[in-house]
Amino acid sequence: MTGENEEPKGPLVIPSLRIRIARYREQAAHFARLAEGEPVATIRDQWKELARNYAYLASTLESDLSRRSRAARRID
């Protein structure tokens, strides 16, 4: 039995991470496009910040995915 704080393990973890990474990249691009067309500087800066945050989330998950993939290869 696994604890609540334990990371899920199994074959579905990596595909779900890839889906989340792709979604976060899409969101980052979407917010960047909104920023480009925003005439109000304060709002434009907020859109840019959202874009940076989503890009950061995607990068962080990519690092996690890479770590998990290396760990899985060591086990096999």
PDB file of N, CA and C in Angstrom:
ATOM      1  N   MET A   1       0.851  -1.171   0.000  1.00  0.00           N
ATOM      2  CA  MET A   1       0.000   0.000   0.000  1.00  0.00           C
ATOM      3  C   MET A   1       0.899   1.238   0.000  1.00  0.00           C
ATOM      4  N   THR A   2       0.586   2.247  -0.818  1.00  0.00           N
ATOM      5  CA  THR A   2       1.394   3.454  -0.891  1.00  0.00           C
ATOM      6  C   THR A   2       0.781   4.550  -0.052  1.00  0.00           C
ATOM      7  N   GLY A   3       1.648   5.423   0.473  1.00  0.00           N
ATOM      8  CA  GLY A   3       1.175   6.565   1.243  1.00  0.00           C
ATOM      9  C   GLY A   3       0.679   7.667   0.338  1.00  0.00           C
ATOM     10  N   GLU A   4      -0.060   8.589   0.888  1.00  0.00           N
ATOM     11  CA  GLU A   4      -0.619   9.688   0.093  1.00  0.00           C
ATOM     12  C   GLU A   4       0.454  10.583  -0.496  1.00  0.00           C
ATOM     13  N   ASN A   5       1.557  10.778   0.201  1.00  0.00           N
ATOM     14  CA  ASN A   5       2.611  11.681  -0.255  1.00  0.00           C
ATOM     15  C   ASN A   5       3.591  11.007  -1.204  1.00  0.00           C
ATOM     16  N   GLU A   6       3.478   9.721  -1.387  1.00  0.00           N
ATOM     17  CA  GLU A   6       4.380   9.003  -2.259  1.00  0.00           C
ATOM     18  C   GLU A   6       4.011   9.256  -3.717  1.00  0.00           C
ATOM     19  N   GLU A   7       5.048   9.400  -4.568  1.00  0.00           N
ATOM     20  CA  GLU A   7       4.805   9.635  -5.993  1.00  0.00           C
ATOM     21  C   GLU A   7       4.210   8.382  -6.622  1.00  0.00           C
ATOM     22  N   PRO A   8       3.266   8.556  -7.555  1.00  0.00           N
ATOM     23  CA  PRO A   8       2.710   7.397  -8.244  1.00  0.00           C
ATOM     24  C   PRO A   8       3.770   6.747  -9.124  1.00  0.00           C
ATOM     25  N   LYS A   9       3.719   5.456  -9.237  1.00  0.00           N
ATOM     26  CA  LYS A   9       4.663   4.723 -10.058  1.00  0.00           C
ATOM     27  C   LYS A   9       3.881   3.912 -11.075  1.00  0.00           C
ATOM     28  N   GLY A  10       4.510   3.618 -12.180  1.00  0.00           N
ATOM     29  CA  GLY A  10       3.858   2.781 -13.163  1.00  0.00           C
ATOM     30  C   GLY A  10       3.973   3.349 -14.553  1.00  0.00           C
ATOM     31  N   PRO A  11       3.490   2.602 -15.529  1.00  0.00           N
ATOM     32  CA  PRO A  11       3.662   2.978 -16.925  1.00  0.00           C
ATOM     33  C   PRO A  11       2.883   4.223 -17.354  1.00  0.00           C
ATOM     34  N   LEU A  12       1.867   4.624 -16.606  1.00  0.00           N
ATOM     35  CA  LEU A  12       1.062   5.775 -17.010  1.00  0.00           C
ATOM     36  C   LEU A  12       1.677   7.106 -16.591  1.00  0.00           C
ATOM     37  N   VAL A  13       2.678   7.088 -15.732  1.00  0.00           N
ATOM     38  CA  VAL A  13       3.253   8.324 -15.217  1.00  0.00           C
ATOM     39  C   VAL A  13       3.932   9.118 -16.326  1.00  0.00           C
ATOM     40  N   ILE A  14       4.772   8.484 -17.121  1.00  0.00           N
ATOM     41  CA  ILE A  14       5.523   9.211 -18.143  1.00  0.00           C
ATOM     42  C   ILE A  14       4.602   9.791 -19.215  1.00  0.00           C
ATOM     43  N   PRO A  15       3.652   9.030 -19.768  1.00  0.00           N
ATOM     44  CA  PRO A  15       2.741   9.660 -20.740  1.00  0.00           C
ATOM     45  C   PRO A  15       1.963  10.829 -20.145  1.00  0.00           C
ATOM     46  N   SER A  16       1.538  10.710 -18.897  1.00  0.00           N
ATOM     47  CA  SER A  16       0.789  11.813 -18.299  1.00  0.00           C
ATOM     48  C   SER A  16       1.677  13.034 -18.110  1.00  0.00           C
ATOM     49  N   LEU A  17       2.952  12.831 -17.796  1.00  0.00           N
ATOM     50  CA  LEU A  17       3.880  13.957 -17.701  1.00  0.00           C
ATOM     51  C   LEU A  17       4.059  14.624 -19.057  1.00  0.00           C
ATOM     52  N   ARG A  18       4.182  13.822 -20.096  1.00  0.00           N
ATOM     53  CA  ARG A  18       4.342  14.388 -21.449  1.00  0.00           C
ATOM     54  C   ARG A  18       3.121  15.217 -21.836  1.00  0.00           C
ATOM     55  N   ILE A  19       1.945  14.752 -21.476  1.00  0.00           N
ATOM     56  CA  ILE A  19       0.718  15.494 -21.775  1.00  0.00           C
ATOM     57  C   ILE A  19       0.717  16.822 -21.021  1.00  0.00           C
ATOM     58  N   ARG A  20       1.085  16.785 -19.747  1.00  0.00           N
ATOM     59  CA  ARG A  20       1.128  18.020 -18.955  1.00  0.00           C
ATOM     60  C   ARG A  20       2.168  18.991 -19.497  1.00  0.00           C
ATOM     61  N   ILE A  21       3.340  18.480 -19.878  1.00  0.00           N
ATOM     62  CA  ILE A  21       4.387  19.342 -20.438  1.00  0.00           C
ATOM     63  C   ILE A  21       3.879  20.033 -21.695  1.00  0.00           C
ATOM     64  N   ALA A  22       3.259  19.277 -22.583  1.00  0.00           N
ATOM     65  CA  ALA A  22       2.729  19.847 -23.824  1.00  0.00           C
ATOM     66  C   ALA A  22       1.669  20.903 -23.521  1.00  0.00           C
ATOM     67  N   ARG A  23       0.803  20.616 -22.581  1.00  0.00           N
ATOM     68  CA  ARG A  23      -0.260  21.570 -22.214  1.00  0.00           C
ATOM     69  C   ARG A  23       0.335  22.846 -21.640  1.00  0.00           C
ATOM     70  N   TYR A  24       1.331  22.721 -20.775  1.00  0.00           N
ATOM     71  CA  TYR A  24       1.962  23.911 -20.206  1.00  0.00           C
ATOM     72  C   TYR A  24       2.682  24.723 -21.274  1.00  0.00           C
ATOM     73  N   ARG A  25       3.303  24.050 -22.232  1.00  0.00           N
ATOM     74  CA  ARG A  25       3.955  24.771 -23.347  1.00  0.00           C
ATOM     75  C   ARG A  25       2.905  25.529 -24.173  1.00  0.00           C
ATOM     76  N   GLU A  26       1.767  24.877 -24.425  1.00  0.00           N
ATOM     77  CA  GLU A  26       0.681  25.538 -25.161  1.00  0.00           C
ATOM     78  C   GLU A  26       0.186  26.766 -24.403  1.00  0.00           C
ATOM     79  N   GLN A  27      -0.004  26.612 -23.102  1.00  0.00           N
ATOM     80  CA  GLN A  27      -0.465  27.731 -22.281  1.00  0.00           C
ATOM     81  C   GLN A  27       0.552  28.875 -22.292  1.00  0.00           C
ATOM     82  N   ALA A  28       1.828  28.547 -22.188  1.00  0.00           N
ATOM     83  CA  ALA A  28       2.873  29.575 -22.216  1.00  0.00           C
ATOM     84  C   ALA A  28       2.820  30.344 -23.540  1.00  0.00           C
ATOM     85  N   ALA A  29       2.691  29.627 -24.636  1.00  0.00           N
ATOM     86  CA  ALA A  29       2.614  30.277 -25.947  1.00  0.00           C
ATOM     87  C   ALA A  29       1.358  31.140 -26.056  1.00  0.00           C
ATOM     88  N   HIS A  30       0.254  30.642 -25.546  1.00  0.00           N
ATOM     89  CA  HIS A  30      -1.003  31.389 -25.584  1.00  0.00           C
ATOM     90  C   HIS A  30      -0.883  32.710 -24.813  1.00  0.00           C
ATOM     91  N   PHE A  31      -0.331  32.648 -23.611  1.00  0.00           N
ATOM     92  CA  PHE A  31      -0.182  33.857 -22.811  1.00  0.00           C
ATOM     93  C   PHE A  31       0.816  34.823 -23.436  1.00  0.00           C
ATOM     94  N   ALA A  32       1.851  34.292 -24.076  1.00  0.00           N
ATOM     95  CA  ALA A  32       2.815  35.156 -24.768  1.00  0.00           C
ATOM     96  C   ALA A  32       2.138  35.888 -25.925  1.00  0.00           C
ATOM     97  N   ARG A  33       1.262  35.187 -26.663  1.00  0.00           N
ATOM     98  CA  ARG A  33       0.520  35.840 -27.758  1.00  0.00           C
ATOM     99  C   ARG A  33      -0.410  36.922 -27.217  1.00  0.00           C
ATOM    100  N   LEU A  34      -1.069  36.630 -26.107  1.00  0.00           N
ATOM    101  CA  LEU A  34      -1.938  37.639 -25.499  1.00  0.00           C
ATOM    102  C   LEU A  34      -1.123  38.873 -25.097  1.00  0.00           C
ATOM    103  N   ALA A  35       0.062  38.653 -24.559  1.00  0.00           N
ATOM    104  CA  ALA A  35       0.924  39.766 -24.152  1.00  0.00           C
ATOM    105  C   ALA A  35       1.317  40.626 -25.352  1.00  0.00           C
ATOM    106  N   GLU A  36       1.606  39.978 -26.476  1.00  0.00           N
ATOM    107  CA  GLU A  36       2.013  40.719 -27.676  1.00  0.00           C
ATOM    108  C   GLU A  36       0.933  41.692 -28.138  1.00  0.00           C
ATOM    109  N   GLY A  37      -0.313  41.313 -27.986  1.00  0.00           N
ATOM    110  CA  GLY A  37      -1.402  42.149 -28.460  1.00  0.00           C
ATOM    111  C   GLY A  37      -2.010  43.070 -27.412  1.00  0.00           C
ATOM    112  N   GLU A  38      -1.457  43.044 -26.212  1.00  0.00           N
ATOM    113  CA  GLU A  38      -2.042  43.825 -25.111  1.00  0.00           C
ATOM    114  C   GLU A  38      -1.473  45.242 -25.076  1.00  0.00           C
ATOM    115  N   PRO A  39      -2.333  46.259 -25.248  1.00  0.00           N
ATOM    116  CA  PRO A  39      -1.847  47.642 -25.242  1.00  0.00           C
ATOM    117  C   PRO A  39      -1.562  48.203 -23.836  1.00  0.00           C
ATOM    118  N   VAL A  40      -2.169  47.630 -22.812  1.00  0.00           N
ATOM    119  CA  VAL A  40      -1.986  48.136 -21.447  1.00  0.00           C
ATOM    120  C   VAL A  40      -0.756  47.457 -20.837  1.00  0.00           C
ATOM    121  N   ALA A  41       0.243  48.255 -20.492  1.00  0.00           N
ATOM    122  CA  ALA A  41       1.530  47.720 -20.036  1.00  0.00           C
ATOM    123  C   ALA A  41       1.404  46.811 -18.814  1.00  0.00           C
ATOM    124  N   THR A  42       0.613  47.206 -17.849  1.00  0.00           N
ATOM    125  CA  THR A  42       0.463  46.402 -16.628  1.00  0.00           C
ATOM    126  C   THR A  42      -0.114  45.028 -16.946  1.00  0.00           C
ATOM    127  N   ILE A  43      -1.123  45.000 -17.772  1.00  0.00           N
ATOM    128  CA  ILE A  43      -1.745  43.723 -18.149  1.00  0.00           C
ATOM    129  C   ILE A  43      -0.788  42.916 -19.022  1.00  0.00           C
ATOM    130  N   ARG A  44      -0.102  43.589 -19.941  1.00  0.00           N
ATOM    131  CA  ARG A  44       0.880  42.910 -20.792  1.00  0.00           C
ATOM    132  C   ARG A  44       1.942  42.217 -19.938  1.00  0.00           C
ATOM    133  N   ASP A  45       2.421  42.921 -18.912  1.00  0.00           N
ATOM    134  CA  ASP A  45       3.425  42.336 -18.011  1.00  0.00           C
ATOM    135  C   ASP A  45       2.881  41.124 -17.266  1.00  0.00           C
ATOM    136  N   GLN A  46       1.604  41.168 -16.903  1.00  0.00           N
ATOM    137  CA  GLN A  46       0.995  40.022 -16.227  1.00  0.00           C
ATOM    138  C   GLN A  46       0.882  38.821 -17.159  1.00  0.00           C
ATOM    139  N   TRP A  47       0.510  39.068 -18.424  1.00  0.00           N
ATOM    140  CA  TRP A  47       0.461  37.975 -19.401  1.00  0.00           C
ATOM    141  C   TRP A  47       1.851  37.376 -19.587  1.00  0.00           C
ATOM    142  N   LYS A  48       2.857  38.238 -19.670  1.00  0.00           N
ATOM    143  CA  LYS A  48       4.238  37.747 -19.833  1.00  0.00           C
ATOM    144  C   LYS A  48       4.670  36.915 -18.630  1.00  0.00           C
ATOM    145  N   GLU A  49       4.293  37.356 -17.443  1.00  0.00           N
ATOM    146  CA  GLU A  49       4.634  36.609 -16.231  1.00  0.00           C
ATOM    147  C   GLU A  49       3.963  35.234 -16.233  1.00  0.00           C
ATOM    148  N   LEU A  50       2.708  35.181 -16.644  1.00  0.00           N
ATOM    149  CA  LEU A  50       2.023  33.888 -16.756  1.00  0.00           C
ATOM    150  C   LEU A  50       2.735  32.984 -17.768  1.00  0.00           C
ATOM    151  N   ALA A  51       3.132  33.567 -18.894  1.00  0.00           N
ATOM    152  CA  ALA A  51       3.851  32.791 -19.915  1.00  0.00           C
ATOM    153  C   ALA A  51       5.145  32.228 -19.337  1.00  0.00           C
ATOM    154  N   ARG A  52       5.899  33.055 -18.620  1.00  0.00           N
ATOM    155  CA  ARG A  52       7.152  32.588 -17.997  1.00  0.00           C
ATOM    156  C   ARG A  52       6.884  31.483 -16.974  1.00  0.00           C
ATOM    157  N   ASN A  53       5.843  31.650 -16.182  1.00  0.00           N
ATOM    158  CA  ASN A  53       5.524  30.644 -15.168  1.00  0.00           C
ATOM    159  C   ASN A  53       5.167  29.295 -15.793  1.00  0.00           C
ATOM    160  N   TYR A  54       4.360  29.318 -16.845  1.00  0.00           N
ATOM    161  CA  TYR A  54       3.999  28.067 -17.500  1.00  0.00           C
ATOM    162  C   TYR A  54       5.195  27.433 -18.194  1.00  0.00           C
ATOM    163  N   ALA A  55       6.057  28.246 -18.790  1.00  0.00           N
ATOM    164  CA  ALA A  55       7.280  27.712 -19.407  1.00  0.00           C
ATOM    165  C   ALA A  55       8.174  27.079 -18.339  1.00  0.00           C
ATOM    166  N   TYR A  56       8.248  27.714 -17.181  1.00  0.00           N
ATOM    167  CA  TYR A  56       9.033  27.163 -16.077  1.00  0.00           C
ATOM    168  C   TYR A  56       8.455  25.821 -15.613  1.00  0.00           C
ATOM    169  N   LEU A  57       7.140  25.756 -15.471  1.00  0.00           N
ATOM    170  CA  LEU A  57       6.506  24.496 -15.084  1.00  0.00           C
ATOM    171  C   LEU A  57       6.830  23.387 -16.085  1.00  0.00           C
ATOM    172  N   ALA A  58       6.742  23.707 -17.367  1.00  0.00           N
ATOM    173  CA  ALA A  58       7.051  22.710 -18.398  1.00  0.00           C
ATOM    174  C   ALA A  58       8.504  22.256 -18.292  1.00  0.00           C
ATOM    175  N   SER A  59       9.414  23.193 -18.112  1.00  0.00           N
ATOM    176  CA  SER A  59      10.834  22.847 -17.992  1.00  0.00           C
ATOM    177  C   SER A  59      11.102  21.985 -16.764  1.00  0.00           C
ATOM    178  N   THR A  60      10.448  22.317 -15.666  1.00  0.00           N
ATOM    179  CA  THR A  60      10.614  21.547 -14.441  1.00  0.00           C
ATOM    180  C   THR A  60      10.110  20.118 -14.635  1.00  0.00           C
ATOM    181  N   LEU A  61       8.966  19.981 -15.280  1.00  0.00           N
ATOM    182  CA  LEU A  61       8.435  18.643 -15.534  1.00  0.00           C
ATOM    183  C   LEU A  61       9.310  17.871 -16.516  1.00  0.00           C
ATOM    184  N   GLU A  62       9.892  18.574 -17.498  1.00  0.00           N
ATOM    185  CA  GLU A  62      10.797  17.902 -18.427  1.00  0.00           C
ATOM    186  C   GLU A  62      12.009  17.338 -17.690  1.00  0.00           C
ATOM    187  N   SER A  63      12.516  18.096 -16.729  1.00  0.00           N
ATOM    188  CA  SER A  63      13.634  17.609 -15.921  1.00  0.00           C
ATOM    189  C   SER A  63      13.226  16.372 -15.134  1.00  0.00           C
ATOM    190  N   ASP A  64      12.032  16.407 -14.570  1.00  0.00           N
ATOM    191  CA  ASP A  64      11.515  15.273 -13.818  1.00  0.00           C
ATOM    192  C   ASP A  64      11.338  14.058 -14.728  1.00  0.00           C
ATOM    193  N   LEU A  65      10.817  14.296 -15.913  1.00  0.00           N
ATOM    194  CA  LEU A  65      10.620  13.220 -16.885  1.00  0.00           C
ATOM    195  C   LEU A  65      11.962  12.595 -17.255  1.00  0.00           C
ATOM    196  N   SER A  66      12.955  13.436 -17.482  1.00  0.00           N
ATOM    197  CA  SER A  66      14.282  12.942 -17.824  1.00  0.00           C
ATOM    198  C   SER A  66      14.859  12.102 -16.684  1.00  0.00           C
ATOM    199  N   ARG A  67      14.695  12.571 -15.451  1.00  0.00           N
ATOM    200  CA  ARG A  67      15.176  11.837 -14.285  1.00  0.00           C
ATOM    201  C   ARG A  67      14.481  10.487 -14.169  1.00  0.00           C
ATOM    202  N   ARG A  68      13.164  10.479 -14.361  1.00  0.00           N
ATOM    203  CA  ARG A  68      12.403   9.228 -14.276  1.00  0.00           C
ATOM    204  C   ARG A  68      12.809   8.263 -15.384  1.00  0.00           C
ATOM    205  N   SER A  69      13.045   8.788 -16.581  1.00  0.00           N
ATOM    206  CA  SER A  69      13.427   7.930 -17.702  1.00  0.00           C
ATOM    207  C   SER A  69      14.790   7.287 -17.436  1.00  0.00           C
ATOM    208  N   ARG A  70      15.738   8.073 -16.917  1.00  0.00           N
ATOM    209  CA  ARG A  70      17.051   7.512 -16.594  1.00  0.00           C
ATOM    210  C   ARG A  70      16.929   6.445 -15.516  1.00  0.00           C
ATOM    211  N   ALA A  71      16.105   6.699 -14.511  1.00  0.00           N
ATOM    212  CA  ALA A  71      15.915   5.740 -13.430  1.00  0.00           C
ATOM    213  C   ALA A  71      15.281   4.446 -13.959  1.00  0.00           C
ATOM    214  N   ALA A  72      14.316   4.577 -14.853  1.00  0.00           N
ATOM    215  CA  ALA A  72      13.650   3.401 -15.418  1.00  0.00           C
ATOM    216  C   ALA A  72      14.626   2.571 -16.247  1.00  0.00           C
ATOM    217  N   ARG A  73      15.523   3.228 -16.981  1.00  0.00           N
ATOM    218  CA  ARG A  73      16.518   2.489 -17.784  1.00  0.00           C
ATOM    219  C   ARG A  73      17.488   1.736 -16.881  1.00  0.00           C
ATOM    220  N   ARG A  74      17.827   2.300 -15.725  1.00  0.00           N
ATOM    221  CA  ARG A  74      18.733   1.628 -14.799  1.00  0.00           C
ATOM    222  C   ARG A  74      18.082   0.368 -14.231  1.00  0.00           C
ATOM    223  N   ILE A  75      16.779   0.420 -14.032  1.00  0.00           N
ATOM    224  CA  ILE A  75      16.058  -0.726 -13.461  1.00  0.00           C
ATOM    225  C   ILE A  75      15.977  -1.857 -14.482  1.00  0.00           C
ATOM    226  N   ASP A  76      15.751  -1.500 -15.752  1.00  0.00           N
ATOM    227  CA  ASP A  76      15.598  -2.513 -16.801  1.00  0.00           C
ATOM    228  C   ASP A  76      16.902  -3.163 -17.070  1.00  0.00           C
TER     229      ASP A  76
END
